């Protein structure tokens, strides 16, 4: 019995000491795992890449079916224009900002602003796309008029 009480006393003393120590910031190794700064390849697909436009088309369809108007679709894309590439300099995550004319299946024509972002796809393993179709930003995520989807 005596040995158990000593072990419990030591464990309690260790726990009290550990809890009483101040929190420490990340070590040099933890902060610089990318060796001084994050490594970016700066490889991003072009604005008119069919995979990029297909991803926008699919995600718009999925959002509309789930939340808003299940009949609404993007019928096609027209003129594509690159707005900016890496507008915030070399230290920021590489992004390509684009705009495309968008034809909806209800006959209206609008503009879609989008950005292609390095390491923002599934599990950070590939590029990702953030997009906003003007006139269909119903939750005002990129308000006003999808302006916040541009640099």
N, C-alpha and C. Protein backbone atom coordinates (compact mmCIF):
# COMPACT_ATOMS: atom_id res chain seq x y z
N UNK A 1 0.81 -1.20 0.00
CA UNK A 1 0.00 0.00 0.00
C UNK A 1 0.85 1.26 0.00
N UNK A 2 1.96 1.18 0.71
CA UNK A 2 2.81 2.34 0.82
C UNK A 2 3.39 2.74 -0.54
N UNK A 3 3.76 1.75 -1.33
CA UNK A 3 4.37 2.05 -2.63
C UNK A 3 3.36 2.74 -3.56
N UNK A 4 2.09 2.32 -3.48
CA UNK A 4 1.06 2.95 -4.32
C UNK A 4 0.86 4.40 -3.94
N UNK A 5 0.89 4.69 -2.68
CA UNK A 5 0.69 6.07 -2.25
C UNK A 5 1.88 6.95 -2.67
N UNK A 6 3.10 6.38 -2.65
CA UNK A 6 4.27 7.14 -3.10
C UNK A 6 4.19 7.41 -4.60
N UNK A 7 3.81 6.41 -5.37
CA UNK A 7 3.67 6.59 -6.82
C UNK A 7 2.59 7.63 -7.11
N UNK A 8 1.50 7.55 -6.40
CA UNK A 8 0.43 8.52 -6.60
C UNK A 8 0.90 9.93 -6.23
N UNK A 9 1.67 10.03 -5.15
CA UNK A 9 2.19 11.32 -4.73
C UNK A 9 3.14 11.89 -5.77
N UNK A 10 4.03 11.06 -6.31
CA UNK A 10 4.96 11.50 -7.35
C UNK A 10 4.20 11.91 -8.63
N UNK A 11 3.20 11.13 -8.98
CA UNK A 11 2.41 11.45 -10.18
C UNK A 11 1.68 12.78 -9.98
N UNK A 12 1.13 12.99 -8.81
CA UNK A 12 0.44 14.23 -8.52
C UNK A 12 1.41 15.42 -8.54
N UNK A 13 2.60 15.24 -8.00
CA UNK A 13 3.61 16.30 -8.01
C UNK A 13 4.05 16.61 -9.44
N UNK A 14 4.24 15.58 -10.26
CA UNK A 14 4.63 15.77 -11.66
C UNK A 14 3.54 16.52 -12.43
N UNK A 15 2.30 16.13 -12.21
CA UNK A 15 1.17 16.77 -12.89
C UNK A 15 1.06 18.23 -12.47
N UNK A 16 1.21 18.51 -11.19
CA UNK A 16 1.12 19.89 -10.70
C UNK A 16 2.25 20.74 -11.28
N UNK A 17 3.44 20.19 -11.38
CA UNK A 17 4.57 20.93 -11.95
C UNK A 17 4.36 21.19 -13.44
N UNK A 18 3.87 20.20 -14.16
CA UNK A 18 3.64 20.34 -15.60
C UNK A 18 2.57 21.38 -15.89
N UNK A 19 1.51 21.35 -15.15
CA UNK A 19 0.42 22.30 -15.35
C UNK A 19 0.84 23.71 -14.98
N UNK A 20 1.71 23.86 -14.00
CA UNK A 20 2.12 25.18 -13.53
C UNK A 20 3.12 25.85 -14.46
N UNK A 21 3.79 25.09 -15.34
CA UNK A 21 4.76 25.69 -16.26
C UNK A 21 4.04 26.54 -17.30
N UNK A 22 4.65 27.66 -17.71
CA UNK A 22 4.01 28.50 -18.73
C UNK A 22 4.05 27.82 -20.10
N UNK A 23 3.08 28.15 -20.93
CA UNK A 23 3.05 27.60 -22.28
C UNK A 23 4.19 28.20 -23.10
N UNK A 24 4.75 27.40 -24.00
CA UNK A 24 5.86 27.87 -24.82
C UNK A 24 5.41 27.93 -26.28
N UNK A 25 6.02 28.82 -27.01
CA UNK A 25 5.71 28.92 -28.43
C UNK A 25 6.40 27.77 -29.18
N UNK A 26 6.10 27.66 -30.45
CA UNK A 26 6.67 26.59 -31.27
C UNK A 26 8.19 26.74 -31.35
N UNK A 27 8.86 25.62 -31.39
CA UNK A 27 10.32 25.65 -31.50
C UNK A 27 10.74 26.07 -32.90
N UNK A 28 12.02 26.33 -33.10
CA UNK A 28 12.54 26.74 -34.41
C UNK A 28 12.23 25.68 -35.46
N UNK A 29 12.37 24.42 -35.09
CA UNK A 29 12.11 23.34 -36.03
C UNK A 29 10.64 23.29 -36.42
N UNK A 30 9.75 23.51 -35.45
CA UNK A 30 8.32 23.50 -35.76
C UNK A 30 7.91 24.67 -36.64
N UNK A 31 8.50 25.82 -36.41
CA UNK A 31 8.15 27.00 -37.21
C UNK A 31 8.74 26.93 -38.61
N UNK A 32 9.84 26.26 -38.80
CA UNK A 32 10.54 26.27 -40.08
C UNK A 32 10.59 24.89 -40.71
N UNK A 33 9.52 24.15 -40.60
CA UNK A 33 9.51 22.81 -41.19
C UNK A 33 9.70 22.89 -42.69
N UNK A 34 9.26 23.98 -43.32
CA UNK A 34 9.46 24.18 -44.74
C UNK A 34 10.83 24.77 -45.04
N UNK A 35 11.73 24.76 -44.06
CA UNK A 35 13.07 25.33 -44.16
C UNK A 35 13.02 26.80 -44.56
N UNK A 36 12.80 27.63 -43.60
CA UNK A 36 12.76 29.08 -43.65
C UNK A 36 11.41 29.62 -44.11
N UNK A 37 10.84 29.12 -45.19
CA UNK A 37 9.52 29.60 -45.63
C UNK A 37 8.80 28.47 -46.34
N UNK A 38 7.50 28.58 -46.51
CA UNK A 38 6.77 27.54 -47.22
C UNK A 38 7.27 27.42 -48.66
N UNK A 39 7.23 26.22 -49.17
CA UNK A 39 7.68 25.99 -50.55
C UNK A 39 6.46 25.94 -51.47
N UNK A 40 6.45 26.80 -52.45
CA UNK A 40 5.41 26.78 -53.46
C UNK A 40 6.06 26.57 -54.82
N UNK A 41 5.43 25.76 -55.62
CA UNK A 41 5.95 25.49 -56.96
C UNK A 41 5.51 26.55 -57.95
N UNK A 42 4.48 27.32 -57.61
CA UNK A 42 3.91 28.34 -58.48
C UNK A 42 3.38 27.76 -59.77
N UNK A 43 2.97 26.51 -59.73
CA UNK A 43 2.34 25.91 -60.89
C UNK A 43 0.84 25.93 -60.67
N UNK A 44 0.18 26.70 -61.49
CA UNK A 44 -1.28 26.79 -61.45
C UNK A 44 -1.80 26.63 -62.87
N UNK A 45 -2.93 25.95 -63.04
CA UNK A 45 -3.49 25.85 -64.37
C UNK A 45 -3.94 27.21 -64.90
N UNK A 46 -4.05 27.32 -66.21
CA UNK A 46 -4.49 28.56 -66.83
C UNK A 46 -5.96 28.80 -66.54
N UNK A 47 -6.39 30.03 -66.73
CA UNK A 47 -7.78 30.40 -66.45
C UNK A 47 -8.77 29.61 -67.30
N UNK A 48 -8.40 29.28 -68.52
CA UNK A 48 -9.32 28.59 -69.43
C UNK A 48 -9.18 27.07 -69.39
N UNK A 49 -8.49 26.55 -68.41
CA UNK A 49 -8.31 25.10 -68.27
C UNK A 49 -9.68 24.45 -68.07
N UNK A 50 -10.01 23.41 -68.86
CA UNK A 50 -11.31 22.75 -68.72
C UNK A 50 -11.57 22.16 -67.33
N UNK A 51 -10.52 21.73 -66.64
CA UNK A 51 -10.71 21.19 -65.28
C UNK A 51 -11.15 22.28 -64.31
N UNK A 52 -10.61 23.47 -64.46
CA UNK A 52 -10.99 24.60 -63.59
C UNK A 52 -12.44 24.97 -63.84
N UNK A 53 -12.80 25.16 -65.11
CA UNK A 53 -14.17 25.55 -65.44
C UNK A 53 -15.16 24.44 -65.09
N UNK A 54 -14.74 23.19 -65.26
CA UNK A 54 -15.59 22.06 -64.88
C UNK A 54 -15.84 22.01 -63.38
N UNK A 55 -14.82 22.34 -62.61
CA UNK A 55 -14.97 22.36 -61.15
C UNK A 55 -15.95 23.45 -60.73
N UNK A 56 -15.86 24.63 -61.35
CA UNK A 56 -16.80 25.71 -61.05
C UNK A 56 -18.22 25.28 -61.42
N UNK A 57 -18.37 24.70 -62.60
CA UNK A 57 -19.68 24.25 -63.08
C UNK A 57 -20.30 23.23 -62.12
N UNK A 58 -19.51 22.24 -61.71
CA UNK A 58 -20.02 21.21 -60.81
C UNK A 58 -20.37 21.77 -59.44
N UNK A 59 -19.50 22.61 -58.87
CA UNK A 59 -19.76 23.16 -57.54
C UNK A 59 -20.96 24.10 -57.55
N UNK A 60 -21.15 24.87 -58.64
CA UNK A 60 -22.32 25.73 -58.74
C UNK A 60 -23.58 24.87 -58.78
N UNK A 61 -23.56 23.84 -59.61
CA UNK A 61 -24.71 22.93 -59.70
C UNK A 61 -25.03 22.32 -58.34
N UNK A 62 -24.01 21.82 -57.63
CA UNK A 62 -24.22 21.17 -56.33
C UNK A 62 -24.81 22.16 -55.31
N UNK A 63 -24.32 23.40 -55.33
CA UNK A 63 -24.84 24.42 -54.40
C UNK A 63 -26.30 24.75 -54.72
N UNK A 64 -26.60 24.92 -55.98
CA UNK A 64 -27.97 25.27 -56.37
C UNK A 64 -28.94 24.13 -56.04
N UNK A 65 -28.57 22.92 -56.35
CA UNK A 65 -29.45 21.77 -56.08
C UNK A 65 -29.70 21.63 -54.60
N UNK A 66 -28.68 21.83 -53.80
CA UNK A 66 -28.81 21.61 -52.36
C UNK A 66 -29.52 22.74 -51.64
N UNK A 67 -29.28 23.99 -52.05
CA UNK A 67 -29.77 25.11 -51.25
C UNK A 67 -30.76 26.04 -51.94
N UNK A 68 -30.66 26.25 -53.24
CA UNK A 68 -31.42 27.33 -53.85
C UNK A 68 -32.43 26.87 -54.91
N UNK A 69 -32.00 26.77 -56.15
CA UNK A 69 -32.91 26.47 -57.25
C UNK A 69 -32.39 25.26 -58.02
N UNK A 70 -32.98 24.08 -57.84
CA UNK A 70 -32.45 22.87 -58.47
C UNK A 70 -32.54 22.86 -59.99
N UNK A 71 -33.30 23.78 -60.58
CA UNK A 71 -33.40 23.83 -62.04
C UNK A 71 -32.30 24.64 -62.68
N UNK A 72 -31.60 25.49 -61.92
CA UNK A 72 -30.61 26.42 -62.47
C UNK A 72 -29.27 25.73 -62.70
N UNK A 73 -28.69 25.96 -63.88
CA UNK A 73 -27.40 25.38 -64.25
C UNK A 73 -26.58 26.41 -65.02
N UNK A 74 -25.29 26.17 -65.09
CA UNK A 74 -24.43 26.94 -66.00
C UNK A 74 -24.48 26.21 -67.33
N UNK A 75 -24.92 26.92 -68.39
CA UNK A 75 -25.04 26.31 -69.71
C UNK A 75 -23.71 26.32 -70.46
N UNK A 76 -22.90 27.32 -70.20
CA UNK A 76 -21.61 27.38 -70.89
C UNK A 76 -20.80 28.58 -70.46
N UNK A 77 -19.54 28.53 -70.84
CA UNK A 77 -18.61 29.63 -70.54
C UNK A 77 -18.16 30.26 -71.85
N UNK A 78 -17.91 31.56 -71.79
CA UNK A 78 -17.47 32.29 -72.98
C UNK A 78 -16.05 32.80 -72.82
N UNK A 79 -15.89 34.10 -73.05
CA UNK A 79 -14.58 34.74 -73.03
C UNK A 79 -13.97 34.68 -71.63
N UNK A 80 -12.74 34.17 -71.56
CA UNK A 80 -12.01 34.04 -70.30
C UNK A 80 -10.92 35.10 -70.27
N UNK A 81 -10.73 35.72 -69.12
CA UNK A 81 -9.72 36.77 -68.97
C UNK A 81 -8.98 36.59 -67.66
N UNK A 82 -7.63 36.65 -67.70
CA UNK A 82 -6.85 36.64 -66.47
C UNK A 82 -6.79 38.05 -65.93
N UNK A 83 -7.12 38.20 -64.65
CA UNK A 83 -7.13 39.52 -64.01
C UNK A 83 -5.78 39.80 -63.35
N UNK A 84 -5.23 38.83 -62.61
CA UNK A 84 -3.96 39.03 -61.92
C UNK A 84 -3.33 37.67 -61.60
N UNK A 85 -2.00 37.66 -61.51
CA UNK A 85 -1.26 36.46 -61.09
C UNK A 85 -0.32 36.88 -59.97
N UNK A 86 -0.47 36.25 -58.81
CA UNK A 86 0.32 36.54 -57.61
C UNK A 86 0.33 38.05 -57.29
N UNK A 87 -0.83 38.65 -57.12
CA UNK A 87 -0.88 40.10 -56.90
C UNK A 87 -0.28 40.56 -55.58
N UNK A 88 -0.12 39.66 -54.62
CA UNK A 88 0.39 40.06 -53.31
C UNK A 88 1.86 39.71 -53.12
N UNK A 89 2.56 39.38 -54.19
CA UNK A 89 4.00 39.17 -54.12
C UNK A 89 4.40 37.72 -53.94
N UNK A 90 5.69 37.52 -53.85
CA UNK A 90 6.27 36.18 -53.81
C UNK A 90 6.05 35.45 -52.49
N UNK A 91 5.84 36.17 -51.39
CA UNK A 91 5.68 35.54 -50.09
C UNK A 91 4.31 34.95 -49.84
N UNK A 92 3.33 35.33 -50.62
CA UNK A 92 1.96 34.87 -50.42
C UNK A 92 1.70 33.58 -51.20
N UNK A 93 0.63 32.90 -50.84
CA UNK A 93 0.24 31.69 -51.56
C UNK A 93 -0.05 32.08 -53.01
N UNK A 94 0.53 31.38 -53.99
CA UNK A 94 0.28 31.72 -55.39
C UNK A 94 -1.19 31.59 -55.76
N UNK A 95 -1.72 32.63 -56.40
CA UNK A 95 -3.11 32.67 -56.84
C UNK A 95 -3.16 33.28 -58.24
N UNK A 96 -4.09 32.76 -59.02
CA UNK A 96 -4.38 33.32 -60.34
C UNK A 96 -5.84 33.76 -60.32
N UNK A 97 -6.09 35.05 -60.54
CA UNK A 97 -7.45 35.59 -60.53
C UNK A 97 -7.95 35.71 -61.97
N UNK A 98 -9.19 35.28 -62.18
CA UNK A 98 -9.74 35.22 -63.52
C UNK A 98 -11.20 35.67 -63.53
N UNK A 99 -11.67 35.94 -64.75
CA UNK A 99 -13.07 36.29 -64.98
C UNK A 99 -13.51 35.59 -66.25
N UNK A 100 -14.76 35.12 -66.28
CA UNK A 100 -15.29 34.45 -67.47
C UNK A 100 -16.75 34.85 -67.67
N UNK A 101 -17.12 35.05 -68.94
CA UNK A 101 -18.52 35.28 -69.28
C UNK A 101 -19.25 33.96 -69.10
N UNK A 102 -20.40 33.99 -68.45
CA UNK A 102 -21.12 32.77 -68.11
C UNK A 102 -22.55 32.84 -68.62
N UNK A 103 -22.97 31.81 -69.34
CA UNK A 103 -24.34 31.71 -69.83
C UNK A 103 -25.08 30.72 -68.96
N UNK A 104 -26.21 31.17 -68.41
CA UNK A 104 -27.02 30.31 -67.55
C UNK A 104 -28.09 29.62 -68.39
N UNK A 105 -28.63 28.50 -67.90
CA UNK A 105 -29.63 27.77 -68.67
C UNK A 105 -30.98 28.49 -68.74
N UNK A 106 -31.15 29.55 -67.95
CA UNK A 106 -32.39 30.34 -68.06
C UNK A 106 -32.26 31.46 -69.08
N UNK A 107 -31.14 31.50 -69.81
CA UNK A 107 -30.93 32.47 -70.87
C UNK A 107 -30.19 33.72 -70.47
N UNK A 108 -29.95 33.93 -69.20
CA UNK A 108 -29.23 35.13 -68.75
C UNK A 108 -27.73 34.93 -68.92
N UNK A 109 -27.07 36.05 -69.13
CA UNK A 109 -25.61 36.04 -69.24
C UNK A 109 -25.05 36.87 -68.10
N UNK A 110 -24.01 36.38 -67.48
CA UNK A 110 -23.42 37.05 -66.33
C UNK A 110 -21.91 36.86 -66.37
N UNK A 111 -21.24 37.23 -65.30
CA UNK A 111 -19.78 37.09 -65.18
C UNK A 111 -19.48 36.27 -63.94
N UNK A 112 -18.50 35.40 -64.05
CA UNK A 112 -18.02 34.62 -62.89
C UNK A 112 -16.60 35.06 -62.58
N UNK A 113 -16.37 35.49 -61.34
CA UNK A 113 -15.02 35.81 -60.85
C UNK A 113 -14.52 34.59 -60.11
N UNK A 114 -13.26 34.22 -60.35
CA UNK A 114 -12.72 33.06 -59.64
C UNK A 114 -11.22 33.18 -59.49
N UNK A 115 -10.70 32.43 -58.53
CA UNK A 115 -9.26 32.37 -58.31
C UNK A 115 -8.84 30.91 -58.19
N UNK A 116 -7.69 30.63 -58.76
CA UNK A 116 -7.09 29.31 -58.69
C UNK A 116 -5.95 29.43 -57.68
N UNK A 117 -5.97 28.61 -56.64
CA UNK A 117 -5.06 28.80 -55.51
C UNK A 117 -4.24 27.53 -55.28
N UNK A 118 -2.94 27.69 -55.19
CA UNK A 118 -2.05 26.54 -54.98
C UNK A 118 -2.26 25.94 -53.60
N UNK A 119 -2.22 24.62 -53.53
CA UNK A 119 -2.32 23.84 -52.29
C UNK A 119 -3.64 24.03 -51.54
N UNK A 120 -4.70 24.42 -52.21
CA UNK A 120 -5.98 24.61 -51.54
C UNK A 120 -7.02 23.60 -51.97
N UNK A 121 -6.59 22.57 -52.71
CA UNK A 121 -7.50 21.51 -53.11
C UNK A 121 -7.62 20.48 -52.00
N UNK A 122 -8.01 19.27 -52.36
CA UNK A 122 -8.22 18.20 -51.38
C UNK A 122 -6.94 17.93 -50.59
N UNK A 123 -7.00 18.07 -49.29
CA UNK A 123 -5.91 17.81 -48.34
C UNK A 123 -4.66 18.62 -48.67
N UNK A 124 -4.80 19.73 -49.35
CA UNK A 124 -3.65 20.57 -49.68
C UNK A 124 -2.73 19.94 -50.69
N UNK A 125 -3.18 18.92 -51.39
CA UNK A 125 -2.32 18.19 -52.32
C UNK A 125 -2.35 18.76 -53.73
N UNK A 126 -3.31 19.60 -54.04
CA UNK A 126 -3.43 20.14 -55.38
C UNK A 126 -4.04 21.53 -55.31
N UNK A 127 -4.27 22.14 -56.44
CA UNK A 127 -4.84 23.48 -56.49
C UNK A 127 -6.33 23.42 -56.22
N UNK A 128 -6.87 24.55 -55.77
CA UNK A 128 -8.29 24.67 -55.51
C UNK A 128 -8.85 25.90 -56.21
N UNK A 129 -10.16 26.02 -56.25
CA UNK A 129 -10.82 27.13 -56.92
C UNK A 129 -11.84 27.76 -55.98
N UNK A 130 -11.80 29.08 -55.86
CA UNK A 130 -12.85 29.85 -55.20
C UNK A 130 -13.52 30.66 -56.29
N UNK A 131 -14.85 30.69 -56.28
CA UNK A 131 -15.57 31.30 -57.39
C UNK A 131 -16.82 32.01 -56.89
N UNK A 132 -17.32 32.92 -57.74
CA UNK A 132 -18.56 33.63 -57.45
C UNK A 132 -19.21 34.01 -58.77
N UNK A 133 -20.45 33.57 -58.97
CA UNK A 133 -21.23 33.90 -60.16
C UNK A 133 -22.06 35.15 -59.82
N UNK A 134 -21.79 36.24 -60.53
CA UNK A 134 -22.49 37.51 -60.25
C UNK A 134 -23.99 37.34 -60.45
N UNK A 135 -24.75 37.81 -59.48
CA UNK A 135 -26.19 37.70 -59.52
C UNK A 135 -26.71 36.44 -58.84
N UNK A 136 -25.83 35.52 -58.52
CA UNK A 136 -26.23 34.26 -57.89
C UNK A 136 -25.47 34.00 -56.59
N UNK A 137 -24.91 35.06 -56.01
CA UNK A 137 -24.23 34.97 -54.72
C UNK A 137 -25.28 35.25 -53.64
N UNK A 138 -26.19 34.30 -53.49
CA UNK A 138 -27.36 34.51 -52.64
C UNK A 138 -27.05 34.63 -51.15
N UNK A 139 -25.96 34.03 -50.71
CA UNK A 139 -25.61 34.14 -49.29
C UNK A 139 -24.63 35.30 -49.05
N UNK A 140 -24.37 36.10 -50.08
CA UNK A 140 -23.54 37.30 -50.02
C UNK A 140 -22.13 37.02 -49.51
N UNK A 141 -21.59 35.88 -49.83
CA UNK A 141 -20.25 35.51 -49.39
C UNK A 141 -19.18 36.39 -50.03
N UNK A 142 -19.40 36.86 -51.25
CA UNK A 142 -18.42 37.69 -51.96
C UNK A 142 -19.01 39.06 -52.30
N UNK A 143 -19.95 39.52 -51.49
CA UNK A 143 -20.66 40.77 -51.72
C UNK A 143 -19.71 41.96 -51.66
N UNK A 144 -19.92 43.02 -52.38
CA UNK A 144 -21.01 43.31 -53.30
C UNK A 144 -20.68 42.85 -54.72
N UNK A 145 -21.61 42.25 -55.38
CA UNK A 145 -21.52 41.83 -56.77
C UNK A 145 -20.27 41.01 -57.08
N UNK A 146 -19.92 40.12 -56.18
CA UNK A 146 -18.76 39.23 -56.33
C UNK A 146 -17.41 39.96 -56.36
N UNK A 147 -17.38 41.18 -55.91
CA UNK A 147 -16.15 41.96 -55.90
C UNK A 147 -15.07 41.33 -55.01
N UNK A 148 -15.49 40.69 -53.93
CA UNK A 148 -14.53 40.12 -52.98
C UNK A 148 -13.84 38.86 -53.51
N UNK A 149 -14.27 38.39 -54.67
CA UNK A 149 -13.60 37.24 -55.29
C UNK A 149 -12.45 37.69 -56.16
N UNK A 150 -12.23 38.98 -56.25
CA UNK A 150 -11.11 39.55 -57.03
C UNK A 150 -10.01 40.03 -56.08
N UNK A 151 -8.81 40.28 -56.61
CA UNK A 151 -7.73 40.73 -55.72
C UNK A 151 -7.97 42.12 -55.13
